[in-house]
Each structure stands twice: as C-alpha cells, then as structure tokens.
Amino acid sequence: MEAKTFTVRRKTPLKALIEAALRWETRPSMETENPDPSRFEVGPFGILRIH
C-alpha cells in the first residue's frame, strides 16, 4: 500500500517503481563483497552464490 501512495505522490507508475527497484537489487556490486567466504563465492558478474 505504501508503494502505491508513493507512486501517486511522485506521479510515477507502480510498474516503473518496481522495475527500478529490481534493477537496483540485481545489479552487480562495484566491489566484491563477500560476507562469509566459507559459505559463499562471488560469481563472474559479482553476484554471490552458495558453495
């Protein structure tokens, strides 16, 4: 519900807001951040994957 209110205030379609959020979440990180190297490895696109 908050997302709908936010989009109405900014006059942005909800679809555009969701697409932007997904793009931001799935983008590769600029630095290879690995919180636990024993459990995760950094893939070729900078995305963490489980060993």
PDB file of N, CA and C in Angstrom:
ATOM      1  N   MET A   1       0.818  -1.192   0.000  1.00  0.00           N
ATOM      2  CA  MET A   1       0.000   0.000   0.000  1.00  0.00           C
ATOM      3  C   MET A   1       0.867   1.263   0.000  1.00  0.00           C
ATOM      4  N   GLU A   2       1.992   1.210   0.732  1.00  0.00           N
ATOM      5  CA  GLU A   2       2.874   2.373   0.774  1.00  0.00           C
ATOM      6  C   GLU A   2       3.448   2.676  -0.602  1.00  0.00           C
ATOM      7  N   ALA A   3       3.730   1.615  -1.378  1.00  0.00           N
ATOM      8  CA  ALA A   3       4.293   1.815  -2.720  1.00  0.00           C
ATOM      9  C   ALA A   3       3.301   2.556  -3.608  1.00  0.00           C
ATOM     10  N   LYS A   4       2.027   2.217  -3.492  1.00  0.00           N
ATOM     11  CA  LYS A   4       1.005   2.897  -4.304  1.00  0.00           C
ATOM     12  C   LYS A   4       0.907   4.368  -3.920  1.00  0.00           C
ATOM     13  N   THR A   5       0.920   4.654  -2.631  1.00  0.00           N
ATOM     14  CA  THR A   5       0.859   6.040  -2.164  1.00  0.00           C
ATOM     15  C   THR A   5       2.068   6.824  -2.656  1.00  0.00           C
ATOM     16  N   PHE A   6       3.239   6.207  -2.572  1.00  0.00           N
ATOM     17  CA  PHE A   6       4.473   6.846  -3.018  1.00  0.00           C
ATOM     18  C   PHE A   6       4.414   7.157  -4.506  1.00  0.00           C
ATOM     19  N   THR A   7       3.920   6.205  -5.313  1.00  0.00           N
ATOM     20  CA  THR A   7       3.874   6.416  -6.759  1.00  0.00           C
ATOM     21  C   THR A   7       2.870   7.502  -7.138  1.00  0.00           C
ATOM     22  N   VAL A   8       1.788   7.601  -6.411  1.00  0.00           N
ATOM     23  CA  VAL A   8       0.796   8.647  -6.694  1.00  0.00           C
ATOM     24  C   VAL A   8       1.384  10.019  -6.387  1.00  0.00           C
ATOM     25  N   ARG A   9       2.110  10.113  -5.268  1.00  0.00           N
ATOM     26  CA  ARG A   9       2.725  11.385  -4.897  1.00  0.00           C
ATOM     27  C   ARG A   9       3.774  11.820  -5.910  1.00  0.00           C
ATOM     28  N   ARG A  10       4.553  10.876  -6.406  1.00  0.00           N
ATOM     29  CA  ARG A  10       5.612  11.209  -7.363  1.00  0.00           C
ATOM     30  C   ARG A  10       5.138  11.146  -8.806  1.00  0.00           C
ATOM     31  N   LYS A  11       3.895  10.751  -9.012  1.00  0.00           N
ATOM     32  CA  LYS A  11       3.325  10.599 -10.360  1.00  0.00           C
ATOM     33  C   LYS A  11       4.172   9.643 -11.202  1.00  0.00           C
ATOM     34  N   THR A  12       4.585   8.549 -10.576  1.00  0.00           N
ATOM     35  CA  THR A  12       5.369   7.515 -11.234  1.00  0.00           C
ATOM     36  C   THR A  12       4.519   6.250 -11.287  1.00  0.00           C
ATOM     37  N   PRO A  13       4.460   5.582 -12.427  1.00  0.00           N
ATOM     38  CA  PRO A  13       3.705   4.327 -12.474  1.00  0.00           C
ATOM     39  C   PRO A  13       4.326   3.285 -11.542  1.00  0.00           C
ATOM     40  N   LEU A  14       3.478   2.484 -10.911  1.00  0.00           N
ATOM     41  CA  LEU A  14       3.941   1.458  -9.991  1.00  0.00           C
ATOM     42  C   LEU A  14       4.882   0.489 -10.701  1.00  0.00           C
ATOM     43  N   LYS A  15       4.585   0.175 -11.954  1.00  0.00           N
ATOM     44  CA  LYS A  15       5.431  -0.731 -12.719  1.00  0.00           C
ATOM     45  C   LYS A  15       6.852  -0.177 -12.840  1.00  0.00           C
ATOM     46  N   ALA A  16       6.990   1.115 -13.090  1.00  0.00           N
ATOM     47  CA  ALA A  16       8.306   1.740 -13.215  1.00  0.00           C
ATOM     48  C   ALA A  16       9.063   1.691 -11.885  1.00  0.00           C
ATOM     49  N   LEU A  17       8.360   1.886 -10.785  1.00  0.00           N
ATOM     50  CA  LEU A  17       8.977   1.831  -9.469  1.00  0.00           C
ATOM     51  C   LEU A  17       9.506   0.428  -9.187  1.00  0.00           C
ATOM     52  N   ILE A  18       8.714  -0.590  -9.512  1.00  0.00           N
ATOM     53  CA  ILE A  18       9.123  -1.978  -9.283  1.00  0.00           C
ATOM     54  C   ILE A  18      10.300  -2.346 -10.176  1.00  0.00           C
ATOM     55  N   GLU A  19      10.260  -1.918 -11.443  1.00  0.00           N
ATOM     56  CA  GLU A  19      11.372  -2.204 -12.358  1.00  0.00           C
ATOM     57  C   GLU A  19      12.669  -1.568 -11.857  1.00  0.00           C
ATOM     58  N   ALA A  20      12.598  -0.345 -11.395  1.00  0.00           N
ATOM     59  CA  ALA A  20      13.790   0.341 -10.891  1.00  0.00           C
ATOM     60  C   ALA A  20      14.335  -0.368  -9.651  1.00  0.00           C
ATOM     61  N   ALA A  21      13.455  -0.795  -8.769  1.00  0.00           N
ATOM     62  CA  ALA A  21      13.887  -1.498  -7.556  1.00  0.00           C
ATOM     63  C   ALA A  21      14.547  -2.825  -7.912  1.00  0.00           C
ATOM     64  N   LEU A  22      13.974  -3.553  -8.863  1.00  0.00           N
ATOM     65  CA  LEU A  22      14.570  -4.832  -9.269  1.00  0.00           C
ATOM     66  C   LEU A  22      15.918  -4.625  -9.954  1.00  0.00           C
ATOM     67  N   ARG A  23      16.012  -3.595 -10.779  1.00  0.00           N
ATOM     68  CA  ARG A  23      17.294  -3.294 -11.430  1.00  0.00           C
ATOM     69  C   ARG A  23      18.358  -2.983 -10.382  1.00  0.00           C
ATOM     70  N   TRP A  24      17.989  -2.223  -9.367  1.00  0.00           N
ATOM     71  CA  TRP A  24      18.927  -1.844  -8.320  1.00  0.00           C
ATOM     72  C   TRP A  24      19.357  -3.072  -7.518  1.00  0.00           C
ATOM     73  N   GLU A  25      18.409  -3.959  -7.219  1.00  0.00           N
ATOM     74  CA  GLU A  25      18.712  -5.145  -6.418  1.00  0.00           C
ATOM     75  C   GLU A  25      19.556  -6.163  -7.173  1.00  0.00           C
ATOM     76  N   THR A  26      19.377  -6.272  -8.485  1.00  0.00           N
ATOM     77  CA  THR A  26      20.073  -7.312  -9.240  1.00  0.00           C
ATOM     78  C   THR A  26      21.343  -6.824  -9.909  1.00  0.00           C
ATOM     79  N   ARG A  27      21.674  -5.539  -9.747  1.00  0.00           N
ATOM     80  CA  ARG A  27      22.886  -5.034 -10.384  1.00  0.00           C
ATOM     81  C   ARG A  27      24.098  -5.614  -9.684  1.00  0.00           C
ATOM     82  N   PRO A  28      25.150  -5.860 -10.428  1.00  0.00           N
ATOM     83  CA  PRO A  28      26.373  -6.347  -9.785  1.00  0.00           C
ATOM     84  C   PRO A  28      26.978  -5.252  -8.902  1.00  0.00           C
ATOM     85  N   SER A  29      27.549  -5.656  -7.809  1.00  0.00           N
ATOM     86  CA  SER A  29      28.154  -4.659  -6.922  1.00  0.00           C
ATOM     87  C   SER A  29      29.477  -4.191  -7.511  1.00  0.00           C
ATOM     88  N   MET A  30      29.848  -2.976  -7.184  1.00  0.00           N
ATOM     89  CA  MET A  30      31.085  -2.416  -7.694  1.00  0.00           C
ATOM     90  C   MET A  30      32.304  -3.075  -7.051  1.00  0.00           C
ATOM     91  N   GLU A  31      32.165  -3.475  -5.815  1.00  0.00           N
ATOM     92  CA  GLU A  31      33.241  -4.176  -5.155  1.00  0.00           C
ATOM     93  C   GLU A  31      32.754  -5.575  -4.803  1.00  0.00           C
ATOM     94  N   THR A  32      33.651  -6.508  -4.751  1.00  0.00           N
ATOM     95  CA  THR A  32      33.250  -7.880  -4.443  1.00  0.00           C
ATOM     96  C   THR A  32      33.136  -8.024  -2.933  1.00  0.00           C
ATOM     97  N   GLU A  33      31.931  -7.914  -2.435  1.00  0.00           N
ATOM     98  CA  GLU A  33      31.662  -8.016  -1.008  1.00  0.00           C
ATOM     99  C   GLU A  33      31.243  -9.444  -0.718  1.00  0.00           C
ATOM    100  N   ASN A  34      31.985 -10.131   0.093  1.00  0.00           N
ATOM    101  CA  ASN A  34      31.652 -11.497   0.458  1.00  0.00           C
ATOM    102  C   ASN A  34      31.595 -11.569   1.980  1.00  0.00           C
ATOM    103  N   PRO A  35      30.386 -11.625   2.546  1.00  0.00           N
ATOM    104  CA  PRO A  35      30.254 -11.587   3.997  1.00  0.00           C
ATOM    105  C   PRO A  35      30.842 -12.820   4.693  1.00  0.00           C
ATOM    106  N   ASP A  36      30.797 -13.983   4.041  1.00  0.00           N
ATOM    107  CA  ASP A  36      31.308 -15.214   4.648  1.00  0.00           C
ATOM    108  C   ASP A  36      31.939 -16.078   3.555  1.00  0.00           C
ATOM    109  N   PRO A  37      33.242 -15.931   3.309  1.00  0.00           N
ATOM    110  CA  PRO A  37      33.895 -16.668   2.222  1.00  0.00           C
ATOM    111  C   PRO A  37      33.800 -18.184   2.345  1.00  0.00           C
ATOM    112  N   SER A  38      33.572 -18.697   3.553  1.00  0.00           N
ATOM    113  CA  SER A  38      33.450 -20.146   3.705  1.00  0.00           C
ATOM    114  C   SER A  38      32.109 -20.667   3.176  1.00  0.00           C
ATOM    115  N   ARG A  39      31.100 -19.805   3.069  1.00  0.00           N
ATOM    116  CA  ARG A  39      29.775 -20.233   2.602  1.00  0.00           C
ATOM    117  C   ARG A  39      29.430 -19.737   1.204  1.00  0.00           C
ATOM    118  N   PHE A  40      30.018 -18.612   0.783  1.00  0.00           N
ATOM    119  CA  PHE A  40      29.654 -18.003  -0.492  1.00  0.00           C
ATOM    120  C   PHE A  40      30.878 -17.812  -1.374  1.00  0.00           C
ATOM    121  N   GLU A  41      30.631 -17.733  -2.669  1.00  0.00           N
ATOM    122  CA  GLU A  41      31.673 -17.329  -3.606  1.00  0.00           C
ATOM    123  C   GLU A  41      31.072 -16.268  -4.518  1.00  0.00           C
ATOM    124  N   VAL A  42      31.909 -15.418  -5.056  1.00  0.00           N
ATOM    125  CA  VAL A  42      31.451 -14.345  -5.928  1.00  0.00           C
ATOM    126  C   VAL A  42      31.519 -14.851  -7.357  1.00  0.00           C
ATOM    127  N   GLY A  43      30.378 -14.813  -8.051  1.00  0.00           N
ATOM    128  CA  GLY A  43      30.310 -15.281  -9.424  1.00  0.00           C
ATOM    129  C   GLY A  43      30.939 -14.302 -10.394  1.00  0.00           C
ATOM    130  N   PRO A  44      30.925 -14.648 -11.694  1.00  0.00           N
ATOM    131  CA  PRO A  44      31.575 -13.804 -12.691  1.00  0.00           C
ATOM    132  C   PRO A  44      30.946 -12.423 -12.853  1.00  0.00           C
ATOM    133  N   PHE A  45      29.694 -12.267 -12.471  1.00  0.00           N
ATOM    134  CA  PHE A  45      29.026 -10.972 -12.599  1.00  0.00           C
ATOM    135  C   PHE A  45      28.958 -10.228 -11.274  1.00  0.00           C
ATOM    136  N   GLY A  46      29.698 -10.695 -10.274  1.00  0.00           N
ATOM    137  CA  GLY A  46      29.714 -10.037  -8.975  1.00  0.00           C
ATOM    138  C   GLY A  46      28.561 -10.423  -8.077  1.00  0.00           C
ATOM    139  N   ILE A  47      27.835 -11.486  -8.438  1.00  0.00           N
ATOM    140  CA  ILE A  47      26.682 -11.930  -7.656  1.00  0.00           C
ATOM    141  C   ILE A  47      27.126 -13.084  -6.769  1.00  0.00           C
ATOM    142  N   LEU A  48      26.745 -13.031  -5.484  1.00  0.00           N
ATOM    143  CA  LEU A  48      27.106 -14.099  -4.552  1.00  0.00           C
ATOM    144  C   LEU A  48      26.337 -15.367  -4.886  1.00  0.00           C
ATOM    145  N   ARG A  49      27.018 -16.506  -4.723  1.00  0.00           N
ATOM    146  CA  ARG A  49      26.336 -17.795  -4.851  1.00  0.00           C
ATOM    147  C   ARG A  49      26.850 -18.720  -3.763  1.00  0.00           C
ATOM    148  N   ILE A  50      26.007 -19.661  -3.361  1.00  0.00           N
ATOM    149  CA  ILE A  50      26.332 -20.583  -2.275  1.00  0.00           C
ATOM    150  C   ILE A  50      27.267 -21.662  -2.810  1.00  0.00           C
ATOM    151  N   HIS A  51      28.271 -22.040  -1.987  1.00  0.00           N
ATOM    152  CA  HIS A  51      29.196 -23.125  -2.346  1.00  0.00           C
ATOM    153  C   HIS A  51      28.442 -24.411  -2.506  1.00  0.00           C
TER     154      HIS A  51
END
